[in-house]
C-alpha atoms as a PDB file:
ATOM      1  CA  MET A   1      32.132 -46.504  37.210  1.00  0.00           C
ATOM      2  CA  ARG A   2      35.672 -47.732  36.727  1.00  0.00           C
ATOM      3  CA  PRO A   3      37.524 -45.186  34.511  1.00  0.00           C
ATOM      4  CA  THR A   4      39.030 -46.819  31.433  1.00  0.00           C
ATOM      5  CA  ALA A   5      41.650 -45.246  29.187  1.00  0.00           C
ATOM      6  CA  PRO A   6      39.849 -46.030  25.869  1.00  0.00           C
ATOM      7  CA  LEU A   7      36.653 -44.255  26.934  1.00  0.00           C
ATOM      8  CA  ILE A   8      38.533 -41.286  28.363  1.00  0.00           C
ATOM      9  CA  LEU A   9      40.593 -40.930  25.174  1.00  0.00           C
ATOM     10  CA  LEU A  10      37.572 -41.303  22.892  1.00  0.00           C
ATOM     11  CA  THR A  11      35.428 -38.703  24.625  1.00  0.00           C
ATOM     12  CA  VAL A  12      38.237 -36.220  25.318  1.00  0.00           C
ATOM     13  CA  LEU A  13      39.840 -36.343  21.861  1.00  0.00           C
ATOM     14  CA  GLN A  14      36.468 -36.304  20.115  1.00  0.00           C
ATOM     15  CA  GLY A  15      35.498 -33.170  22.042  1.00  0.00           C
ATOM     16  CA  LEU A  16      38.846 -31.470  21.398  1.00  0.00           C
ATOM     17  CA  ALA A  17      38.585 -32.168  17.661  1.00  0.00           C
ATOM     18  CA  TRP A  18      35.055 -30.787  17.564  1.00  0.00           C
ATOM     19  CA  GLY A  19      36.056 -27.658  19.475  1.00  0.00           C
ATOM     20  CA  LEU A  20      38.996 -27.077  17.121  1.00  0.00           C
ATOM     21  CA  ILE A  21      37.023 -27.428  13.883  1.00  0.00           C
ATOM     22  CA  ALA A  22      34.123 -25.356  15.253  1.00  0.00           C
ATOM     23  CA  THR A  23      36.604 -22.593  16.095  1.00  0.00           C
ATOM     24  CA  VAL A  24      38.170 -22.822  12.623  1.00  0.00           C
ATOM     25  CA  ALA A  25      34.738 -22.579  10.985  1.00  0.00           C
ATOM     26  CA  TRP A  26      34.039 -19.445  13.017  1.00  0.00           C
ATOM     27  CA  TRP A  27      37.442 -17.854  12.355  1.00  0.00           C
ATOM     28  CA  LEU A  28      37.640 -18.534   8.607  1.00  0.00           C
ATOM     29  CA  PRO A  29      35.539 -15.555   7.404  1.00  0.00           C
ATOM     30  CA  SER A  30      37.739 -13.175   9.413  1.00  0.00           C
ATOM     31  CA  ALA A  31      41.101 -14.759   8.575  1.00  0.00           C
ATOM     32  CA  THR A  32      43.696 -13.027   6.458  1.00  0.00           C
ATOM     33  CA  ALA A  33      45.618 -14.769   3.675  1.00  0.00           C
ATOM     34  CA  SER A  34      48.618 -15.268   5.959  1.00  0.00           C
ATOM     35  CA  GLN A  35      46.442 -17.004   8.565  1.00  0.00           C
ATOM     36  CA  LEU A  36      44.857 -19.602   6.281  1.00  0.00           C
ATOM     37  CA  GLY A  37      47.827 -21.945   6.552  1.00  0.00           C
ATOM     38  CA  PHE A  38      47.572 -21.829  10.344  1.00  0.00           C
ATOM     39  CA  LEU A  39      43.867 -22.676  10.199  1.00  0.00           C
ATOM     40  CA  THR A  40      44.650 -25.590   7.892  1.00  0.00           C
ATOM     41  CA  ASP A  41      47.094 -26.866  10.496  1.00  0.00           C
ATOM     42  CA  LEU A  42      44.380 -26.605  13.133  1.00  0.00           C
ATOM     43  CA  GLU A  43      42.022 -28.649  10.954  1.00  0.00           C
ATOM     44  CA  ARG A  44      44.663 -31.323  10.458  1.00  0.00           C
ATOM     45  CA  LEU A  45      45.412 -31.418  14.171  1.00  0.00           C
ATOM     46  CA  GLY A  46      41.698 -31.880  14.817  1.00  0.00           C
ATOM     47  CA  SER A  47      41.501 -34.740  12.316  1.00  0.00           C
ATOM     48  CA  LEU A  48      44.431 -36.517  13.997  1.00  0.00           C
ATOM     49  CA  LEU A  49      42.863 -36.119  17.430  1.00  0.00           C
ATOM     50  CA  ALA A  50      39.490 -37.401  16.224  1.00  0.00           C
ATOM     51  CA  ALA A  51      41.081 -40.386  14.479  1.00  0.00           C
ATOM     52  CA  ALA A  52      43.133 -41.234  17.575  1.00  0.00           C
ATOM     53  CA  GLY A  53      39.987 -41.170  19.690  1.00  0.00           C
ATOM     54  CA  GLY A  54      38.193 -43.482  17.268  1.00  0.00           C
ATOM     55  CA  VAL A  55      41.080 -45.956  17.285  1.00  0.00           C
ATOM     56  CA  ALA A  56      41.235 -45.880  21.093  1.00  0.00           C
ATOM     57  CA  SER A  57      37.558 -46.856  21.328  1.00  0.00           C
ATOM     58  CA  PHE A  58      38.258 -50.251  19.752  1.00  0.00           C
ATOM     59  CA  PHE A  59      40.399 -51.193  22.755  1.00  0.00           C
ATOM     60  CA  HIS A  60      37.304 -50.899  24.959  1.00  0.00           C
ATOM     61  CA  MET A  61      35.530 -53.703  23.096  1.00  0.00           C
ATOM     62  CA  HIS A  62      35.436 -57.075  24.812  1.00  0.00           C
ATOM     63  CA  ARG A  63      35.476 -58.852  21.450  1.00  0.00           C
ATOM     64  CA  PRO A  64      36.985 -56.602  18.749  1.00  0.00           C
ATOM     65  CA  GLN A  65      36.117 -59.187  16.080  1.00  0.00           C
ATOM     66  CA  ALA A  66      32.446 -58.359  16.687  1.00  0.00           C
ATOM     67  CA  ALA A  67      32.974 -54.748  15.558  1.00  0.00           C
ATOM     68  CA  ARG A  68      31.493 -55.597  12.161  1.00  0.00           C
ATOM     69  CA  TYR A  69      28.078 -55.906  13.812  1.00  0.00           C
ATOM     70  CA  ILE A  70      28.171 -52.516  15.508  1.00  0.00           C
ATOM     71  CA  LEU A  71      25.867 -50.758  13.030  1.00  0.00           C
ATOM     72  CA  ARG A  72      23.095 -53.377  13.173  1.00  0.00           C
ATOM     73  CA  ARG A  73      21.105 -51.675  15.945  1.00  0.00           C
ATOM     74  CA  LEU A  74      20.887 -48.074  14.773  1.00  0.00           C
ATOM     75  CA  GLY A  75      17.174 -47.994  15.570  1.00  0.00           C
ATOM     76  CA  THR A  76      17.591 -48.853  19.245  1.00  0.00           C
ATOM     77  CA  SER A  77      21.245 -48.575  20.307  1.00  0.00           C
ATOM     78  CA  TRP A  78      22.994 -45.314  21.112  1.00  0.00           C
ATOM     79  CA  LEU A  79      26.281 -47.216  20.859  1.00  0.00           C
ATOM     80  CA  SER A  80      25.581 -48.028  17.208  1.00  0.00           C
ATOM     81  CA  ARG A  81      24.628 -44.405  16.579  1.00  0.00           C
ATOM     82  CA  GLU A  82      27.827 -43.252  18.276  1.00  0.00           C
ATOM     83  CA  ALA A  83      29.922 -45.496  16.025  1.00  0.00           C
ATOM     84  CA  LEU A  84      28.177 -44.172  12.902  1.00  0.00           C
ATOM     85  CA  THR A  85      28.274 -40.473  13.770  1.00  0.00           C
ATOM     86  CA  THR A  86      31.844 -40.582  15.073  1.00  0.00           C
ATOM     87  CA  GLY A  87      32.985 -42.438  11.962  1.00  0.00           C
ATOM     88  CA  LEU A  88      31.326 -39.885   9.686  1.00  0.00           C
ATOM     89  CA  PHE A  89      32.839 -37.012  11.654  1.00  0.00           C
ATOM     90  CA  VAL A  90      36.353 -38.457  11.456  1.00  0.00           C
ATOM     91  CA  ALA A  91      36.031 -39.320   7.752  1.00  0.00           C
ATOM     92  CA  VAL A  92      34.694 -35.932   6.625  1.00  0.00           C
ATOM     93  CA  LEU A  93      37.024 -33.908   8.842  1.00  0.00           C
ATOM     94  CA  THR A  94      40.041 -35.872   7.606  1.00  0.00           C
ATOM     95  CA  ALA A  95      39.011 -35.430   3.967  1.00  0.00           C
ATOM     96  CA  VAL A  96      38.424 -31.692   4.378  1.00  0.00           C
ATOM     97  CA  ALA A  97      41.598 -31.063   6.395  1.00  0.00           C
ATOM     98  CA  TRP A  98      43.977 -32.923   4.082  1.00  0.00           C
ATOM     99  CA  THR A  99      42.458 -32.018   0.695  1.00  0.00           C
ATOM    100  CA  VAL A 100      40.656 -28.670   0.853  1.00  0.00           C
ATOM    101  CA  GLY A 101      42.062 -27.239   4.074  1.00  0.00           C
ATOM    102  CA  ALA A 102      41.382 -23.601   4.831  1.00  0.00           C
ATOM    103  CA  GLN A 103      42.782 -22.360   1.516  1.00  0.00           C
ATOM    104  CA  GLY A 104      41.073 -24.433  -1.163  1.00  0.00           C
ATOM    105  CA  PRO A 105      37.695 -23.862  -2.807  1.00  0.00           C
ATOM    106  CA  GLY A 106      34.771 -24.612  -0.541  1.00  0.00           C
ATOM    107  CA  SER A 107      36.940 -24.390   2.568  1.00  0.00           C
ATOM    108  CA  GLU A 108      34.290 -22.559   4.601  1.00  0.00           C
ATOM    109  CA  ALA A 109      31.591 -25.033   3.612  1.00  0.00           C
ATOM    110  CA  GLY A 110      33.867 -27.950   4.444  1.00  0.00           C
ATOM    111  CA  ALA A 111      34.665 -26.544   7.867  1.00  0.00           C
ATOM    112  CA  ILE A 112      30.986 -25.875   8.591  1.00  0.00           C
ATOM    113  CA  VAL A 113      29.940 -29.383   7.544  1.00  0.00           C
ATOM    114  CA  SER A 114      32.734 -30.918   9.633  1.00  0.00           C
ATOM    115  CA  ALA A 115      31.745 -28.835  12.640  1.00  0.00           C
ATOM    116  CA  GLY A 116      28.104 -29.840  12.179  1.00  0.00           C
ATOM    117  CA  LEU A 117      28.986 -33.534  12.062  1.00  0.00           C
ATOM    118  CA  GLY A 118      31.150 -33.030  15.135  1.00  0.00           C
ATOM    119  CA  THR A 119      28.206 -31.479  16.963  1.00  0.00           C
ATOM    120  CA  VAL A 120      26.078 -34.521  16.149  1.00  0.00           C
ATOM    121  CA  ALA A 121      28.840 -36.984  17.090  1.00  0.00           C
ATOM    122  CA  VAL A 122      29.598 -35.385  20.455  1.00  0.00           C
ATOM    123  CA  GLY A 123      25.875 -35.002  21.168  1.00  0.00           C
ATOM    124  CA  VAL A 124      25.194 -38.674  20.417  1.00  0.00           C
ATOM    125  CA  THR A 125      28.104 -39.735  22.628  1.00  0.00           C
ATOM    126  CA  ALA A 126      26.714 -37.588  25.437  1.00  0.00           C
ATOM    127  CA  LEU A 127      23.234 -39.067  24.974  1.00  0.00           C
ATOM    128  CA  LEU A 128      24.713 -42.561  25.186  1.00  0.00           C
ATOM    129  CA  TYR A 129      25.628 -41.821  28.803  1.00  0.00           C
ATOM    130  CA  ALA A 130      22.631 -39.637  29.656  1.00  0.00           C
ATOM    131  CA  THR A 131      20.119 -42.324  28.613  1.00  0.00           C
ATOM    132  CA  ILE A 132      21.382 -45.044  30.992  1.00  0.00           C
ATOM    133  CA  PRO A 133      18.818 -45.100  33.837  1.00  0.00           C
ATOM    134  CA  ALA A 134      20.995 -47.341  36.015  1.00  0.00           C
ATOM    135  CA  MET A 135      23.765 -44.723  36.096  1.00  0.00           C
ATOM    136  CA  ARG A 136      21.982 -42.304  38.360  1.00  0.00           C
ATOM    137  CA  SER A 137      24.782 -39.732  38.183  1.00  0.00           C
ATOM    138  CA  TRP A 138      24.457 -39.452  34.394  1.00  0.00           C
ATOM    139  CA  HIS A 139      20.733 -39.892  33.775  1.00  0.00           C
ATOM    140  CA  SER A 140      20.088 -36.187  33.253  1.00  0.00           C
ATOM    141  CA  PRO A 141      20.192 -33.541  30.496  1.00  0.00           C
ATOM    142  CA  VAL A 142      23.026 -31.965  32.492  1.00  0.00           C
ATOM    143  CA  THR A 143      25.287 -34.771  31.247  1.00  0.00           C
ATOM    144  CA  VAL A 144      24.748 -33.687  27.639  1.00  0.00           C
ATOM    145  CA  LEU A 145      25.482 -30.052  28.466  1.00  0.00           C
ATOM    146  CA  ALA A 146      28.601 -30.959  30.472  1.00  0.00           C
ATOM    147  CA  LEU A 147      30.152 -33.266  27.853  1.00  0.00           C
ATOM    148  CA  MET A 148      29.427 -30.948  24.955  1.00  0.00           C
ATOM    149  CA  GLY A 149      30.488 -27.871  26.918  1.00  0.00           C
ATOM    150  CA  THR A 150      33.766 -29.473  27.941  1.00  0.00           C
ATOM    151  CA  GLY A 151      34.579 -30.421  24.348  1.00  0.00           C
ATOM    152  CA  LEU A 152      33.752 -27.003  22.951  1.00  0.00           C
ATOM    153  CA  VAL A 153      35.579 -25.024  25.650  1.00  0.00           C
ATOM    154  CA  SER A 154      38.703 -27.230  25.649  1.00  0.00           C
ATOM    155  CA  GLY A 155      38.946 -27.204  21.845  1.00  0.00           C
ATOM    156  CA  GLU A 156      38.423 -23.448  21.593  1.00  0.00           C
ATOM    157  CA  ALA A 157      40.930 -22.791  24.378  1.00  0.00           C
ATOM    158  CA  LEU A 158      43.508 -24.997  22.649  1.00  0.00           C
ATOM    159  CA  ALA A 159      42.938 -23.189  19.334  1.00  0.00           C
ATOM    160  CA  LEU A 160      43.219 -19.791  21.023  1.00  0.00           C
ATOM    161  CA  GLY A 161      46.415 -20.798  22.814  1.00  0.00           C
ATOM    162  CA  LEU A 162      48.028 -22.012  19.581  1.00  0.00           C
ATOM    163  CA  ALA A 163      46.897 -18.886  17.754  1.00  0.00           C
ATOM    164  CA  ALA A 164      48.412 -16.613  20.389  1.00  0.00           C
ATOM    165  CA  VAL A 165      51.934 -17.852  19.648  1.00  0.00           C
ATOM    166  CA  GLY A 166      51.491 -17.989  15.865  1.00  0.00           C
ATOM    167  CA  PRO A 167      50.145 -15.910  13.021  1.00  0.00           C
ATOM    168  CA  GLY A 168      46.606 -16.086  14.368  1.00  0.00           C
ATOM    169  CA  ALA A 169      47.057 -13.754  17.333  1.00  0.00           C
ATOM    170  CA  SER A 170      44.351 -11.389  16.070  1.00  0.00           C
ATOM    171  CA  LEU A 171      41.949 -14.321  15.752  1.00  0.00           C
ATOM    172  CA  GLY A 172      42.738 -15.314  19.323  1.00  0.00           C
ATOM    173  CA  ARG A 173      41.874 -11.860  20.581  1.00  0.00           C
ATOM    174  CA  LEU A 174      38.646 -12.039  18.588  1.00  0.00           C
ATOM    175  CA  GLY A 175      37.688 -15.343  20.215  1.00  0.00           C
ATOM    176  CA  ALA A 176      38.723 -14.518  23.787  1.00  0.00           C
ATOM    177  CA  PRO A 177      35.388 -12.956  24.895  1.00  0.00           C
ATOM    178  CA  TRP A 178      33.462 -15.931  23.540  1.00  0.00           C
ATOM    179  CA  LEU A 179      35.773 -18.347  25.300  1.00  0.00           C
ATOM    180  CA  LEU A 180      35.254 -16.505  28.570  1.00  0.00           C
ATOM    181  CA  ALA A 181      31.483 -16.720  28.072  1.00  0.00           C
ATOM    182  CA  GLY A 182      31.777 -20.454  27.362  1.00  0.00           C
ATOM    183  CA  ILE A 183      33.863 -20.998  30.503  1.00  0.00           C
ATOM    184  CA  LEU A 184      31.270 -19.153  32.573  1.00  0.00           C
ATOM    185  CA  GLY A 185      28.486 -21.307  31.142  1.00  0.00           C
ATOM    186  CA  LEU A 186      30.472 -24.492  31.690  1.00  0.00           C
ATOM    187  CA  THR A 187      31.150 -23.476  35.298  1.00  0.00           C
ATOM    188  CA  LEU A 188      27.402 -23.234  35.927  1.00  0.00           C
ATOM    189  CA  VAL A 189      26.789 -26.589  34.214  1.00  0.00           C
ATOM    190  CA  LYS A 190      29.520 -28.288  36.239  1.00  0.00           C
ATOM    191  CA  GLY A 191      27.935 -26.946  39.400  1.00  0.00           C
ATOM    192  CA  LEU A 192      24.626 -28.547  38.422  1.00  0.00           C
ATOM    193  CA  GLN A 193      26.437 -31.779  37.589  1.00  0.00           C
ATOM    194  CA  LEU A 194      28.122 -31.867  40.993  1.00  0.00           C
ATOM    195  CA  HIS A 195      24.665 -31.553  42.554  1.00  0.00           C
ATOM    196  CA  GLN A 196      23.418 -34.408  40.356  1.00  0.00           C
ATOM    197  CA  PHE A 197      26.323 -36.608  41.451  1.00  0.00           C
ATOM    198  CA  GLN A 198      25.633 -35.780  45.099  1.00  0.00           C
ATOM    199  CA  LEU A 199      21.984 -36.798  44.715  1.00  0.00           C
ATOM    200  CA  ALA A 200      23.084 -40.090  43.167  1.00  0.00           C
ATOM    201  CA  ARG A 201      25.434 -40.822  46.072  1.00  0.00           C
ATOM    202  CA  ASP A 202      22.638 -40.046  48.556  1.00  0.00           C
ATOM    203  CA  PHE A 203      20.195 -42.374  46.798  1.00  0.00           C
ATOM    204  CA  PRO A 204      18.375 -44.618  49.328  1.00  0.00           C
ATOM    205  CA  THR A 205      20.050 -47.913  50.137  1.00  0.00           C
ATOM    206  CA  GLY A 206      18.587 -51.391  50.465  1.00  0.00           C
ATOM    207  CA  GLU A 207      16.621 -50.329  53.551  1.00  0.00           C
ATOM    208  CA  GLY A 208      13.735 -49.365  51.322  1.00  0.00           C
ATOM    209  CA  ALA A 209      14.881 -48.498  47.833  1.00  0.00           C
ATOM    210  CA  SER A 210      13.481 -51.678  46.290  1.00  0.00           C
ATOM    211  CA  GLY A 211       9.898 -50.552  46.893  1.00  0.00           C
ATOM    212  CA  LEU A 212       8.976 -54.003  48.247  1.00  0.00           C
ATOM    213  CA  PRO A 213       6.952 -54.207  51.472  1.00  0.00           C
ATOM    214  CA  ARG A 214       8.338 -55.380  54.802  1.00  0.00           C
ATOM    215  CA  GLY A 215      11.935 -54.415  53.980  1.00  0.00           C
ATOM    216  CA  PRO A 216      14.839 -54.277  54.407  1.00  0.00           C
ATOM    217  CA  TRP A 217      15.982 -56.769  51.789  1.00  0.00           C
ATOM    218  CA  ARG A 218      19.380 -57.816  50.557  1.00  0.00           C
ATOM    219  CA  LEU A 219      20.553 -59.727  47.499  1.00  0.00           C
ATOM    220  CA  GLN A 220      21.704 -63.173  48.607  1.00  0.00           C
ATOM    221  CA  ASP A 221      22.346 -65.059  45.358  1.00  0.00           C
ATOM    222  CA  THR A 222      23.027 -63.422  41.983  1.00  0.00           C
ATOM    223  CA  GLY A 223      22.122 -66.646  40.185  1.00  0.00           C
ATOM    224  CA  THR A 224      25.142 -66.546  37.917  1.00  0.00           C
ATOM    225  CA  SER A 225      28.453 -68.306  37.571  1.00  0.00           C
ATOM    226  CA  ARG A 226      30.240 -65.130  36.487  1.00  0.00           C
ATOM    227  CA  PRO A 227      32.629 -63.235  38.781  1.00  0.00           C
ATOM    228  CA  PRO A 228      30.993 -61.109  41.496  1.00  0.00           C
ATOM    229  CA  TYR A 229      29.255 -58.103  40.040  1.00  0.00           C
ATOM    230  CA  ARG A 230      31.052 -55.704  42.356  1.00  0.00           C
ATOM    231  CA  THR A 231      34.273 -56.485  40.474  1.00  0.00           C
ATOM    232  CA  GLN A 232      32.714 -55.449  37.168  1.00  0.00           C
ATOM    233  CA  PRO A 233      33.274 -51.987  35.620  1.00  0.00           C
ATOM    234  CA  GLN A 234      29.863 -50.669  36.699  1.00  0.00           C
ATOM    235  CA  VAL A 235      30.655 -50.980  40.411  1.00  0.00           C
ATOM    236  CA  TRP A 236      33.470 -48.712  41.550  1.00  0.00           C
ATOM    237  CA  PRO A 237      34.216 -47.901  45.188  1.00  0.00           C
ATOM    238  CA  LEU A 238      33.051 -44.516  46.372  1.00  0.00           C
ATOM    239  CA  LEU A 239      35.856 -41.999  46.087  1.00  0.00           C
ATOM    240  CA  PRO A 240      37.288 -40.853  49.410  1.00  0.00           C
ATOM    241  CA  HIS A 241      36.309 -37.299  50.269  1.00  0.00           C
ATOM    242  CA  GLY A 242      39.872 -36.062  49.887  1.00  0.00           C
ATOM    243  CA  VAL A 243      40.247 -37.593  46.437  1.00  0.00           C
ATOM    244  CA  ARG A 244      36.942 -36.099  45.335  1.00  0.00           C
ATOM    245  CA  VAL A 245      37.895 -32.625  46.559  1.00  0.00           C
ATOM    246  CA  ALA A 246      41.334 -32.852  44.934  1.00  0.00           C
ATOM    247  CA  GLY A 247      39.850 -34.118  41.677  1.00  0.00           C
ATOM    248  CA  TYR A 248      37.251 -31.395  41.294  1.00  0.00           C
ATOM    249  CA  THR A 249      39.748 -28.740  42.385  1.00  0.00           C
ATOM    250  CA  THR A 250      42.056 -29.920  39.607  1.00  0.00           C
ATOM    251  CA  VAL A 251      39.207 -29.750  37.104  1.00  0.00           C
ATOM    252  CA  GLY A 252      38.260 -26.243  38.196  1.00  0.00           C
ATOM    253  CA  LEU A 253      41.839 -25.034  37.972  1.00  0.00           C
ATOM    254  CA  THR A 254      42.908 -26.671  34.696  1.00  0.00           C
ATOM    255  CA  LEU A 255      39.664 -26.625  32.719  1.00  0.00           C
ATOM    256  CA  LEU A 256      38.169 -23.338  33.890  1.00  0.00           C
ATOM    257  CA  ALA A 257      40.527 -20.989  35.751  1.00  0.00           C
ATOM    258  CA  LEU A 258      43.741 -21.277  33.721  1.00  0.00           C
ATOM    259  CA  PRO A 259      41.994 -21.201  30.294  1.00  0.00           C
ATOM    260  CA  ALA A 260      40.109 -18.089  31.433  1.00  0.00           C
ATOM    261  CA  ALA A 261      43.416 -16.504  32.415  1.00  0.00           C
ATOM    262  CA  GLY A 262      44.800 -17.563  29.029  1.00  0.00           C
ATOM    263  CA  ALA A 263      41.943 -15.826  27.230  1.00  0.00           C
ATOM    264  CA  LEU A 264      42.664 -12.615  29.135  1.00  0.00           C
ATOM    265  CA  ALA A 265      46.365 -13.022  28.334  1.00  0.00           C
ATOM    266  CA  ALA A 266      45.557 -13.317  24.616  1.00  0.00           C
ATOM    267  CA  VAL A 267      43.772  -9.982  24.755  1.00  0.00           C
ATOM    268  CA  ALA A 268      46.775  -8.474  26.538  1.00  0.00           C
ATOM    269  CA  HIS A 269      49.193  -9.892  23.916  1.00  0.00           C
ATOM    270  CA  HIS A 270      50.837 -12.377  26.305  1.00  0.00           C
ATOM    271  CA  GLY A 271      51.161 -15.297  23.919  1.00  0.00           C
ATOM    272  CA  ALA A 272      53.014 -17.647  26.268  1.00  0.00           C
ATOM    273  CA  LEU A 273      50.370 -17.368  28.980  1.00  0.00           C
ATOM    274  CA  ALA A 274      47.602 -17.858  26.421  1.00  0.00           C
ATOM    275  CA  ALA A 275      49.349 -21.002  25.157  1.00  0.00           C
ATOM    276  CA  LEU A 276      49.598 -22.274  28.730  1.00  0.00           C
ATOM    277  CA  GLY A 277      45.853 -21.785  29.082  1.00  0.00           C
ATOM    278  CA  GLY A 278      45.219 -23.836  25.946  1.00  0.00           C
ATOM    279  CA  ILE A 279      47.412 -26.706  27.093  1.00  0.00           C
ATOM    280  CA  SER A 280      45.803 -26.561  30.525  1.00  0.00           C
ATOM    281  CA  ALA A 281      42.350 -26.898  28.958  1.00  0.00           C
ATOM    282  CA  ALA A 282      43.367 -30.146  27.234  1.00  0.00           C
ATOM    283  CA  VAL A 283      44.741 -31.524  30.502  1.00  0.00           C
ATOM    284  CA  GLY A 284      41.630 -30.346  32.330  1.00  0.00           C
ATOM    285  CA  ALA A 285      39.386 -32.191  29.877  1.00  0.00           C
ATOM    286  CA  VAL A 286      41.185 -35.434  30.793  1.00  0.00           C
ATOM    287  CA  ALA A 287      40.789 -34.714  34.516  1.00  0.00           C
ATOM    288  CA  GLU A 288      37.126 -33.833  34.041  1.00  0.00           C
ATOM    289  CA  ARG A 289      36.436 -37.065  32.188  1.00  0.00           C
ATOM    290  CA  TRP A 290      38.248 -39.166  34.807  1.00  0.00           C
ATOM    291  CA  MET A 291      36.042 -37.678  37.512  1.00  0.00           C
ATOM    292  CA  PHE A 292      32.979 -38.151  35.295  1.00  0.00           C
ATOM    293  CA  PHE A 293      33.565 -41.906  35.352  1.00  0.00           C
ATOM    294  CA  ALA A 294      35.184 -42.398  38.766  1.00  0.00           C
ATOM    295  CA  ASP A 295      32.613 -40.414  40.763  1.00  0.00           C
ATOM    296  CA  ALA A 296      29.551 -41.858  39.024  1.00  0.00           C
ATOM    297  CA  THR A 297      27.119 -43.963  41.080  1.00  0.00           C
ATOM    298  CA  HIS A 298      25.477 -47.044  39.599  1.00  0.00           C
ATOM    299  CA  SER A 299      22.071 -47.994  41.044  1.00  0.00           C
ATOM    300  CA  SER A 300      23.401 -51.489  41.782  1.00  0.00           C
ATOM    301  CA  ARG A 301      25.178 -49.926  44.740  1.00  0.00           C
ATOM    302  CA  ILE A 302      21.834 -50.395  46.497  1.00  0.00           C
ATOM    303  CA  TRP A 303      22.618 -54.100  46.684  1.00  0.00           C
ATOM    304  CA  PHE A 304      26.421 -54.108  46.607  1.00  0.00           C
ATOM    305  CA  GLN A 305      27.704 -52.012  49.434  1.00  0.00           C
ATOM    306  CA  ASP A 306      29.799 -52.523  52.515  1.00  0.00           C
ATOM    307  CA  VAL A 307      27.118 -52.792  55.194  1.00  0.00           C
ATOM    308  CA  PRO A 308      26.799 -55.232  58.082  1.00  0.00           C
ATOM    309  CA  ARG A 309      25.414 -58.540  56.896  1.00  0.00           C
ATOM    310  CA  ALA A 310      21.853 -59.178  58.022  1.00  0.00           C
ATOM    311  CA  PRO A 311      19.890 -62.399  57.501  1.00  0.00           C
ATOM    312  CA  SER A 312      17.654 -62.238  54.447  1.00  0.00           C
ATOM    313  CA  ARG A 313      13.923 -62.274  55.118  1.00  0.00           C
ATOM    314  CA  VAL A 314      13.448 -64.148  51.863  1.00  0.00           C
ATOM    315  CA  ALA A 315      15.803 -67.114  52.327  1.00  0.00           C
ATOM    316  CA  GLY A 316      17.807 -67.410  55.507  1.00  0.00           C
ATOM    317  CA  PRO A 317      20.888 -69.636  55.821  1.00  0.00           C
ATOM    318  CA  THR A 318      19.078 -72.352  57.827  1.00  0.00           C
ATOM    319  CA  ALA A 319      20.198 -75.987  57.699  1.00  0.00           C
ATOM    320  CA  SER A 320      18.172 -78.622  55.825  1.00  0.00           C
ATOM    321  CA  PRO A 321      15.991 -80.985  57.916  1.00  0.00           C
ATOM    322  CA  GLU A 322      17.592 -84.246  59.025  1.00  0.00           C
ATOM    323  CA  TRP A 323      15.362 -86.395  56.783  1.00  0.00           C
ATOM    324  CA  VAL A 324      16.461 -84.409  53.716  1.00  0.00           C
ATOM    325  CA  ARG A 325      20.128 -84.995  54.487  1.00  0.00           C
ATOM    326  CA  GLU A 326      19.497 -88.725  55.059  1.00  0.00           C
ATOM    327  CA  PHE A 327      17.605 -88.998  51.760  1.00  0.00           C
ATOM    328  CA  LEU A 328      20.366 -87.276  49.801  1.00  0.00           C
ATOM    329  CA  ALA A 329      22.973 -89.510  51.417  1.00  0.00           C
ATOM    330  CA  ALA A 330      21.020 -92.630  50.401  1.00  0.00           C
ATOM    331  CA  VAL A 331      20.664 -91.636  46.742  1.00  0.00           C
ATOM    332  CA  PRO A 332      23.511 -93.215  44.731  1.00  0.00           C
ATOM    333  CA  PRO A 333      25.633 -90.980  42.495  1.00  0.00           C
ATOM    334  CA  ALA A 334      24.590 -90.606  38.868  1.00  0.00           C
ATOM    335  CA  SER A 335      27.592 -92.663  37.659  1.00  0.00           C
ATOM    336  CA  ASP A 336      26.458 -95.630  39.795  1.00  0.00           C
ATOM    337  CA  ARG A 337      22.886 -95.443  38.507  1.00  0.00           C
ATOM    338  CA  ASP A 338      24.099 -95.664  34.953  1.00  0.00           C
END
């Protein structure tokens, strides 16, 4: 699928905000009085990231004026559910971060509720992609685990990196083992996702994938006046092998390896290296999401692919009989008949 900036920003920033507030909710019971201001800043940073992601999503709409109808299909549309859950997450997180914070009454409850709504919002967004049968690369529970794991790990790594260079260094050391465990789990999930993407690329072509007898078949006429489907966002050229290798290497380095090194640096009191790991995790989340879209295979590739043209066994490009051409030539135009 063609990567688009609004979708990348929405999913990345939503996941970062969720990871940040989930980390704050976990750190709050162990925080000292001098660290509460830092945790409030983390909550406010998360609210800004979540709000920016929500605003970016509007630029993906073909007709923004139709946004008022987006909640009309909550019973059947994952897109409507995404709009509702993301809106609730942004609204509650913003209210908690800028009114209660980590110092006011009910701060722990507010952080827990915000983190819970973030879990639902990120999960619904992941299910939106995982429930599209035509996107063979995504139609798997692995998609949910990968999107949610990326958000949680990148947000926690960013929080740990910021804590390592501020008053929350002790909190960072407390969270480092859990971050390392999350990175290990995400590494396994990404391995399964790579296998899923490979299976989608190897999906049978038009030689027999339609299930119709006496194949092969090819699509000759789309029956529409719209631009060719292969120029639409769903159809994206297969990535060259070198680009794919470079892309996944970048993801492994920035999202997994450097944040893991940053977690170890936080334990060893190397704040600058821990901060580098947190920044790297945010960059890695963007790279991961670009590959998630760019390397995905739509099932329509069965019919839209660069293969030698073969005559269709349904309707070949044969010329009309002579008597048909003579009859059409003898029929006067409609303007003359009137």
